Amino acid sequence: LEMNSLKPEDTAVYYCNVNAPYGNYWGQGTQ
């Protein structure tokens, strides 16, 4: 995820997600 022109309101923990028929998976997040 390339993020440009970042704004203060973009501040968050960002999570990666995979949605599959056998499950919904998340990473641990990055601040």
PDB file of all heavy atoms in Angstrom:
ATOM      1  N   LEU A   1       0.868  -1.174   0.000  1.00  0.00           N
ATOM      2  CA  LEU A   1       0.000   0.000   0.000  1.00  0.00           C
ATOM      3  C   LEU A   1       0.903   1.221   0.000  1.00  0.00           C
ATOM      4  O   LEU A   1       1.557   1.517   1.006  1.00  0.00           O
ATOM      5  CB  LEU A   1      -0.924   0.021   1.224  1.00  0.00           C
ATOM      6  CG  LEU A   1      -1.947   1.146   1.233  1.00  0.00           C
ATOM      7  CD1 LEU A   1      -2.976   0.928   0.108  1.00  0.00           C
ATOM      8  CD2 LEU A   1      -2.668   1.230   2.580  1.00  0.00           C
ATOM      9  N   GLU A   2       0.960   1.875  -1.154  1.00  0.00           N
ATOM     10  CA  GLU A   2       1.729   3.099  -1.287  1.00  0.00           C
ATOM     11  C   GLU A   2       0.833   4.245  -0.866  1.00  0.00           C
ATOM     12  O   GLU A   2      -0.253   4.436  -1.438  1.00  0.00           O
ATOM     13  CB  GLU A   2       2.187   3.272  -2.735  1.00  0.00           C
ATOM     14  CG  GLU A   2       3.075   4.472  -2.970  1.00  0.00           C
ATOM     15  CD  GLU A   2       4.501   4.258  -2.475  1.00  0.00           C
ATOM     16  OE1 GLU A   2       4.982   3.111  -2.530  1.00  0.00           O
ATOM     17  OE2 GLU A   2       5.123   5.238  -2.029  1.00  0.00           O
ATOM     18  N   MET A   3       1.278   5.014   0.128  1.00  0.00           N
ATOM     19  CA  MET A   3       0.459   6.099   0.668  1.00  0.00           C
ATOM     20  C   MET A   3       1.182   7.420   0.455  1.00  0.00           C
ATOM     21  O   MET A   3       2.292   7.609   0.987  1.00  0.00           O
ATOM     22  CB  MET A   3       0.188   5.863   2.155  1.00  0.00           C
ATOM     23  CG  MET A   3      -0.425   4.514   2.457  1.00  0.00           C
ATOM     24  SD  MET A   3      -0.868   4.305   4.198  1.00  0.00           S
ATOM     25  CE  MET A   3       0.745   4.363   4.953  1.00  0.00           C
ATOM     26  N   ASN A   4       0.584   8.301  -0.310  1.00  0.00           N
ATOM     27  CA  ASN A   4       1.151   9.612  -0.598  1.00  0.00           C
ATOM     28  C   ASN A   4       0.235  10.707  -0.061  1.00  0.00           C
ATOM     29  O   ASN A   4      -0.932  10.463   0.242  1.00  0.00           O
ATOM     30  CB  ASN A   4       1.346   9.778  -2.102  1.00  0.00           C
ATOM     31  CG  ASN A   4       2.311   8.766  -2.680  1.00  0.00           C
ATOM     32  OD1 ASN A   4       3.388   8.535  -2.129  1.00  0.00           O
ATOM     33  ND2 ASN A   4       1.938   8.151  -3.794  1.00  0.00           N
ATOM     34  N   SER A   5       0.792  11.907   0.019  1.00  0.00           N
ATOM     35  CA  SER A   5       0.021  13.070   0.496  1.00  0.00           C
ATOM     36  C   SER A   5      -0.709  12.740   1.791  1.00  0.00           C
ATOM     37  O   SER A   5      -1.904  13.026   1.938  1.00  0.00           O
ATOM     38  CB  SER A   5      -0.981  13.510  -0.586  1.00  0.00           C
ATOM     39  OG  SER A   5      -0.316  13.840  -1.781  1.00  0.00           O
ATOM     40  N   LEU A   6       0.004  12.161   2.711  1.00  0.00           N
ATOM     41  CA  LEU A   6      -0.615  11.718   3.953  1.00  0.00           C
ATOM     42  C   LEU A   6      -1.134  12.888   4.775  1.00  0.00           C
ATOM     43  O   LEU A   6      -0.550  13.980   4.782  1.00  0.00           O
ATOM     44  CB  LEU A   6       0.383  10.899   4.769  1.00  0.00           C
ATOM     45  CG  LEU A   6       0.570   9.464   4.273  1.00  0.00           C
ATOM     46  CD1 LEU A   6       1.861   8.861   4.820  1.00  0.00           C
ATOM     47  CD2 LEU A   6      -0.618   8.612   4.645  1.00  0.00           C
ATOM     48  N   LYS A   7      -2.241  12.629   5.448  1.00  0.00           N
ATOM     49  CA  LYS A   7      -2.897  13.627   6.279  1.00  0.00           C
ATOM     50  C   LYS A   7      -2.951  13.125   7.724  1.00  0.00           C
ATOM     51  O   LYS A   7      -2.933  11.907   7.952  1.00  0.00           O
ATOM     52  CB  LYS A   7      -4.322  13.858   5.779  1.00  0.00           C
ATOM     53  CG  LYS A   7      -4.435  14.234   4.325  1.00  0.00           C
ATOM     54  CD  LYS A   7      -5.888  14.310   3.895  1.00  0.00           C
ATOM     55  CE  LYS A   7      -6.027  14.657   2.423  1.00  0.00           C
ATOM     56  NZ  LYS A   7      -7.452  14.719   1.995  1.00  0.00           N
ATOM     57  N   PRO A   8      -3.060  14.032   8.675  1.00  0.00           N
ATOM     58  CA  PRO A   8      -3.172  13.578  10.075  1.00  0.00           C
ATOM     59  C   PRO A   8      -4.322  12.600  10.288  1.00  0.00           C
ATOM     60  O   PRO A   8      -4.209  11.693  11.123  1.00  0.00           O
ATOM     61  CB  PRO A   8      -3.398  14.889  10.834  1.00  0.00           C
ATOM     62  CG  PRO A   8      -2.686  15.910  10.016  1.00  0.00           C
ATOM     63  CD  PRO A   8      -2.923  15.493   8.585  1.00  0.00           C
ATOM     64  N   GLU A   9      -5.393  12.756   9.520  1.00  0.00           N
ATOM     65  CA  GLU A   9      -6.535  11.852   9.684  1.00  0.00           C
ATOM     66  C   GLU A   9      -6.269  10.456   9.136  1.00  0.00           C
ATOM     67  O   GLU A   9      -7.098   9.560   9.291  1.00  0.00           O
ATOM     68  CB  GLU A   9      -7.802  12.435   9.034  1.00  0.00           C
ATOM     69  CG  GLU A   9      -7.614  12.902   7.609  1.00  0.00           C
ATOM     70  CD  GLU A   9      -7.354  14.401   7.523  1.00  0.00           C
ATOM     71  OE1 GLU A   9      -6.544  14.930   8.330  1.00  0.00           O
ATOM     72  OE2 GLU A   9      -7.956  15.051   6.624  1.00  0.00           O
ATOM     73  N   ASP A  10      -5.121  10.247   8.504  1.00  0.00           N
ATOM     74  CA  ASP A  10      -4.728   8.911   8.075  1.00  0.00           C
ATOM     75  C   ASP A  10      -4.069   8.132   9.214  1.00  0.00           C
ATOM     76  O   ASP A  10      -3.775   6.940   9.063  1.00  0.00           O
ATOM     77  CB  ASP A  10      -3.756   8.980   6.897  1.00  0.00           C
ATOM     78  CG  ASP A  10      -4.396   9.553   5.644  1.00  0.00           C
ATOM     79  OD1 ASP A  10      -5.547   9.188   5.341  1.00  0.00           O
ATOM     80  OD2 ASP A  10      -3.724  10.355   4.958  1.00  0.00           O
ATOM     81  N   THR A  11      -3.835   8.788  10.327  1.00  0.00           N
ATOM     82  CA  THR A  11      -3.227   8.118  11.472  1.00  0.00           C
ATOM     83  C   THR A  11      -4.104   6.975  11.954  1.00  0.00           C
ATOM     84  O   THR A  11      -5.294   7.162  12.235  1.00  0.00           O
ATOM     85  CB  THR A  11      -3.005   9.117  12.621  1.00  0.00           C
ATOM     86  OG1 THR A  11      -2.041  10.099  12.210  1.00  0.00           O
ATOM     87  CG2 THR A  11      -2.514   8.417  13.879  1.00  0.00           C
ATOM     88  N   ALA A  12      -3.527   5.786  12.026  1.00  0.00           N
ATOM     89  CA  ALA A  12      -4.277   4.582  12.408  1.00  0.00           C
ATOM     90  C   ALA A  12      -3.331   3.397  12.449  1.00  0.00           C
ATOM     91  O   ALA A  12      -2.186   3.484  11.991  1.00  0.00           O
ATOM     92  CB  ALA A  12      -5.400   4.316  11.409  1.00  0.00           C
ATOM     93  N   VAL A  13      -3.839   2.299  12.962  1.00  0.00           N
ATOM     94  CA  VAL A  13      -3.171   1.013  12.782  1.00  0.00           C
ATOM     95  C   VAL A  13      -3.717   0.407  11.496  1.00  0.00           C
ATOM     96  O   VAL A  13      -4.940   0.318  11.320  1.00  0.00           O
ATOM     97  CB  VAL A  13      -3.405   0.069  13.972  1.00  0.00           C
ATOM     98  CG1 VAL A  13      -2.732  -1.280  13.718  1.00  0.00           C
ATOM     99  CG2 VAL A  13      -2.887   0.689  15.259  1.00  0.00           C
ATOM    100  N   TYR A  14      -2.831   0.033  10.607  1.00  0.00           N
ATOM    101  CA  TYR A  14      -3.216  -0.513   9.317  1.00  0.00           C
ATOM    102  C   TYR A  14      -3.067  -2.036   9.346  1.00  0.00           C
ATOM    103  O   TYR A  14      -2.014  -2.559   9.752  1.00  0.00           O
ATOM    104  CB  TYR A  14      -2.365   0.093   8.208  1.00  0.00           C
ATOM    105  CG  TYR A  14      -2.777   1.500   7.867  1.00  0.00           C
ATOM    106  CD1 TYR A  14      -2.558   2.551   8.754  1.00  0.00           C
ATOM    107  CD2 TYR A  14      -3.425   1.789   6.662  1.00  0.00           C
ATOM    108  CE1 TYR A  14      -2.965   3.842   8.459  1.00  0.00           C
ATOM    109  CE2 TYR A  14      -3.830   3.071   6.351  1.00  0.00           C
ATOM    110  CZ  TYR A  14      -3.598   4.097   7.257  1.00  0.00           C
ATOM    111  OH  TYR A  14      -4.009   5.373   6.960  1.00  0.00           O
ATOM    112  N   TYR A  15      -4.123  -2.715   8.899  1.00  0.00           N
ATOM    113  CA  TYR A  15      -4.170  -4.165   8.929  1.00  0.00           C
ATOM    114  C   TYR A  15      -4.321  -4.725   7.515  1.00  0.00           C
ATOM    115  O   TYR A  15      -5.122  -4.210   6.717  1.00  0.00           O
ATOM    116  CB  TYR A  15      -5.358  -4.649   9.747  1.00  0.00           C
ATOM    117  CG  TYR A  15      -5.314  -4.265  11.204  1.00  0.00           C
ATOM    118  CD1 TYR A  15      -5.895  -3.083  11.650  1.00  0.00           C
ATOM    119  CD2 TYR A  15      -4.705  -5.100  12.147  1.00  0.00           C
ATOM    120  CE1 TYR A  15      -5.865  -2.735  12.992  1.00  0.00           C
ATOM    121  CE2 TYR A  15      -4.680  -4.760  13.486  1.00  0.00           C
ATOM    122  CZ  TYR A  15      -5.256  -3.574  13.896  1.00  0.00           C
ATOM    123  OH  TYR A  15      -5.230  -3.234  15.225  1.00  0.00           O
ATOM    124  N   CYS A  16      -3.612  -5.797   7.274  1.00  0.00           N
ATOM    125  CA  CYS A  16      -3.766  -6.555   6.039  1.00  0.00           C
ATOM    126  C   CYS A  16      -4.833  -7.624   6.257  1.00  0.00           C
ATOM    127  O   CYS A  16      -4.939  -8.189   7.359  1.00  0.00           O
ATOM    128  CB  CYS A  16      -2.425  -7.205   5.697  1.00  0.00           C
ATOM    129  SG  CYS A  16      -2.378  -8.092   4.148  1.00  0.00           S
ATOM    130  N   ASN A  17      -5.615  -7.899   5.234  1.00  0.00           N
ATOM    131  CA  ASN A  17      -6.709  -8.860   5.338  1.00  0.00           C
ATOM    132  C   ASN A  17      -6.772  -9.753   4.112  1.00  0.00           C
ATOM    133  O   ASN A  17      -6.599  -9.295   2.981  1.00  0.00           O
ATOM    134  CB  ASN A  17      -8.030  -8.121   5.504  1.00  0.00           C
ATOM    135  CG  ASN A  17      -9.234  -9.034   5.413  1.00  0.00           C
ATOM    136  OD1 ASN A  17      -9.853  -9.152   4.359  1.00  0.00           O
ATOM    137  ND2 ASN A  17      -9.564  -9.682   6.508  1.00  0.00           N
ATOM    138  N   VAL A  18      -7.018 -11.025   4.363  1.00  0.00           N
ATOM    139  CA  VAL A  18      -7.331 -11.978   3.295  1.00  0.00           C
ATOM    140  C   VAL A  18      -8.678 -12.593   3.623  1.00  0.00           C
ATOM    141  O   VAL A  18      -8.882 -13.106   4.728  1.00  0.00           O
ATOM    142  CB  VAL A  18      -6.266 -13.081   3.178  1.00  0.00           C
ATOM    143  CG1 VAL A  18      -6.784 -14.227   2.318  1.00  0.00           C
ATOM    144  CG2 VAL A  18      -4.988 -12.530   2.584  1.00  0.00           C
ATOM    145  N   ASN A  19      -9.591 -12.517   2.656  1.00  0.00           N
ATOM    146  CA  ASN A  19     -10.909 -13.124   2.815  1.00  0.00           C
ATOM    147  C   ASN A  19     -11.020 -14.298   1.861  1.00  0.00           C
ATOM    148  O   ASN A  19     -10.852 -14.135   0.647  1.00  0.00           O
ATOM    149  CB  ASN A  19     -12.002 -12.105   2.537  1.00  0.00           C
ATOM    150  CG  ASN A  19     -13.377 -12.700   2.724  1.00  0.00           C
ATOM    151  OD1 ASN A  19     -14.001 -13.161   1.780  1.00  0.00           O
ATOM    152  ND2 ASN A  19     -13.844 -12.720   3.963  1.00  0.00           N
ATOM    153  N   ALA A  20     -11.267 -15.474   2.422  1.00  0.00           N
ATOM    154  CA  ALA A  20     -11.331 -16.691   1.619  1.00  0.00           C
ATOM    155  C   ALA A  20     -12.524 -17.520   2.067  1.00  0.00           C
ATOM    156  O   ALA A  20     -13.045 -17.316   3.172  1.00  0.00           O
ATOM    157  CB  ALA A  20     -10.040 -17.484   1.782  1.00  0.00           C
ATOM    158  N   PRO A  21     -12.961 -18.461   1.229  1.00  0.00           N
ATOM    159  CA  PRO A  21     -14.092 -19.309   1.627  1.00  0.00           C
ATOM    160  C   PRO A  21     -13.822 -20.085   2.918  1.00  0.00           C
ATOM    161  O   PRO A  21     -14.751 -20.476   3.624  1.00  0.00           O
ATOM    162  CB  PRO A  21     -14.246 -20.251   0.434  1.00  0.00           C
ATOM    163  CG  PRO A  21     -13.678 -19.495  -0.717  1.00  0.00           C
ATOM    164  CD  PRO A  21     -12.528 -18.720  -0.140  1.00  0.00           C
ATOM    165  N   TYR A  22     -12.555 -20.331   3.217  1.00  0.00           N
ATOM    166  CA  TYR A  22     -12.187 -21.120   4.387  1.00  0.00           C
ATOM    167  C   TYR A  22     -11.810 -20.278   5.593  1.00  0.00           C
ATOM    168  O   TYR A  22     -11.427 -20.808   6.642  1.00  0.00           O
ATOM    169  CB  TYR A  22     -11.015 -22.044   4.036  1.00  0.00           C
ATOM    170  CG  TYR A  22      -9.917 -21.362   3.259  1.00  0.00           C
ATOM    171  CD1 TYR A  22      -8.872 -20.700   3.908  1.00  0.00           C
ATOM    172  CD2 TYR A  22      -9.925 -21.347   1.868  1.00  0.00           C
ATOM    173  CE1 TYR A  22      -7.886 -20.069   3.197  1.00  0.00           C
ATOM    174  CE2 TYR A  22      -8.932 -20.712   1.141  1.00  0.00           C
ATOM    175  CZ  TYR A  22      -7.912 -20.068   1.815  1.00  0.00           C
ATOM    176  OH  TYR A  22      -6.934 -19.434   1.108  1.00  0.00           O
ATOM    177  N   GLY A  23     -11.925 -18.944   5.466  1.00  0.00           N
ATOM    178  CA  GLY A  23     -11.626 -18.106   6.622  1.00  0.00           C
ATOM    179  C   GLY A  23     -11.343 -16.666   6.274  1.00  0.00           C
ATOM    180  O   GLY A  23     -11.153 -16.313   5.113  1.00  0.00           O
ATOM    181  N   ASN A  24     -11.338 -15.825   7.297  1.00  0.00           N
ATOM    182  CA  ASN A  24     -11.016 -14.410   7.165  1.00  0.00           C
ATOM    183  C   ASN A  24      -9.800 -14.147   8.051  1.00  0.00           C
ATOM    184  O   ASN A  24      -9.856 -14.376   9.267  1.00  0.00           O
ATOM    185  CB  ASN A  24     -12.210 -13.566   7.613  1.00  0.00           C
ATOM    186  CG  ASN A  24     -12.092 -12.125   7.199  1.00  0.00           C
ATOM    187  OD1 ASN A  24     -11.621 -11.814   6.107  1.00  0.00           O
ATOM    188  ND2 ASN A  24     -12.510 -11.225   8.069  1.00  0.00           N
ATOM    189  N   TYR A  25      -8.720 -13.669   7.458  1.00  0.00           N
ATOM    190  CA  TYR A  25      -7.451 -13.607   8.167  1.00  0.00           C
ATOM    191  C   TYR A  25      -6.946 -12.176   8.267  1.00  0.00           C
ATOM    192  O   TYR A  25      -7.118 -11.369   7.342  1.00  0.00           O
ATOM    193  CB  TYR A  25      -6.411 -14.467   7.456  1.00  0.00           C
ATOM    194  CG  TYR A  25      -6.824 -15.910   7.361  1.00  0.00           C
ATOM    195  CD1 TYR A  25      -7.516 -16.378   6.255  1.00  0.00           C
ATOM    196  CD2 TYR A  25      -6.531 -16.796   8.383  1.00  0.00           C
ATOM    197  CE1 TYR A  25      -7.911 -17.702   6.168  1.00  0.00           C
ATOM    198  CE2 TYR A  25      -6.921 -18.124   8.312  1.00  0.00           C
ATOM    199  CZ  TYR A  25      -7.613 -18.568   7.203  1.00  0.00           C
ATOM    200  OH  TYR A  25      -8.004 -19.877   7.129  1.00  0.00           O
ATOM    201  N   TRP A  26      -6.291 -11.889   9.399  1.00  0.00           N
ATOM    202  CA  TRP A  26      -5.768 -10.555   9.657  1.00  0.00           C
ATOM    203  C   TRP A  26      -4.303 -10.635  10.074  1.00  0.00           C
ATOM    204  O   TRP A  26      -3.890 -11.584  10.742  1.00  0.00           O
ATOM    205  CB  TRP A  26      -6.546  -9.888  10.791  1.00  0.00           C
ATOM    206  CG  TRP A  26      -7.983  -9.661  10.492  1.00  0.00           C
ATOM    207  CD1 TRP A  26      -9.028 -10.493  10.777  1.00  0.00           C
ATOM    208  CD2 TRP A  26      -8.547  -8.518   9.832  1.00  0.00           C
ATOM    209  NE1 TRP A  26     -10.203  -9.934  10.343  1.00  0.00           N
ATOM    210  CE2 TRP A  26      -9.943  -8.728   9.758  1.00  0.00           C
ATOM    211  CE3 TRP A  26      -8.016  -7.336   9.304  1.00  0.00           C
ATOM    212  CZ2 TRP A  26     -10.810  -7.801   9.177  1.00  0.00           C
ATOM    213  CZ3 TRP A  26      -8.874  -6.418   8.728  1.00  0.00           C
ATOM    214  CH2 TRP A  26     -10.252  -6.650   8.674  1.00  0.00           C
ATOM    215  N   GLY A  27      -3.552  -9.608   9.741  1.00  0.00           N
ATOM    216  CA  GLY A  27      -2.210  -9.461  10.272  1.00  0.00           C
ATOM    217  C   GLY A  27      -2.272  -8.786  11.626  1.00  0.00           C
ATOM    218  O   GLY A  27      -3.350  -8.465  12.142  1.00  0.00           O
ATOM    219  N   GLN A  28      -1.093  -8.542  12.190  1.00  0.00           N
ATOM    220  CA  GLN A  28      -1.034  -7.966  13.538  1.00  0.00           C
ATOM    221  C   GLN A  28      -1.166  -6.447  13.516  1.00  0.00           C
ATOM    222  O   GLN A  28      -1.394  -5.826  14.555  1.00  0.00           O
ATOM    223  CB  GLN A  28       0.278  -8.357  14.224  1.00  0.00           C
ATOM    224  CG  GLN A  28       1.498  -7.502  13.863  1.00  0.00           C
ATOM    225  CD  GLN A  28       2.006  -7.737  12.449  1.00  0.00           C
ATOM    226  OE1 GLN A  28       1.580  -8.669  11.754  1.00  0.00           O
ATOM    227  NE2 GLN A  28       2.945  -6.897  12.021  1.00  0.00           N
ATOM    228  N   GLY A  29      -1.039  -5.858  12.349  1.00  0.00           N
ATOM    229  CA  GLY A  29      -1.181  -4.418  12.212  1.00  0.00           C
ATOM    230  C   GLY A  29       0.142  -3.679  12.275  1.00  0.00           C
ATOM    231  O   GLY A  29       1.108  -4.147  12.889  1.00  0.00           O
ATOM    232  N   THR A  30       0.186  -2.532  11.625  1.00  0.00           N
ATOM    233  CA  THR A  30       1.357  -1.661  11.684  1.00  0.00           C
ATOM    234  C   THR A  30       0.875  -0.221  11.876  1.00  0.00           C
ATOM    235  O   THR A  30      -0.069   0.215  11.224  1.00  0.00           O
ATOM    236  CB  THR A  30       2.225  -1.811  10.414  1.00  0.00           C
ATOM    237  OG1 THR A  30       3.420  -1.045  10.546  1.00  0.00           O
ATOM    238  CG2 THR A  30       1.488  -1.388   9.149  1.00  0.00           C
ATOM    239  N   GLN A  31       1.514   0.482  12.788  1.00  0.00           N
ATOM    240  CA  GLN A  31       1.074   1.820  13.154  1.00  0.00           C
ATOM    241  C   GLN A  31       1.580   2.852  12.152  1.00  0.00           C
ATOM    242  O   GLN A  31       2.770   2.884  11.819  1.00  0.00           O
ATOM    243  CB  GLN A  31       1.586   2.184  14.545  1.00  0.00           C
ATOM    244  CG  GLN A  31       1.275   3.596  14.996  1.00  0.00           C
ATOM    245  CD  GLN A  31      -0.203   3.802  15.284  1.00  0.00           C
ATOM    246  OE1 GLN A  31      -0.820   2.990  15.974  1.00  0.00           O
ATOM    247  NE2 GLN A  31      -0.766   4.896  14.775  1.00  0.00           N
TER     248      GLN A  31
END
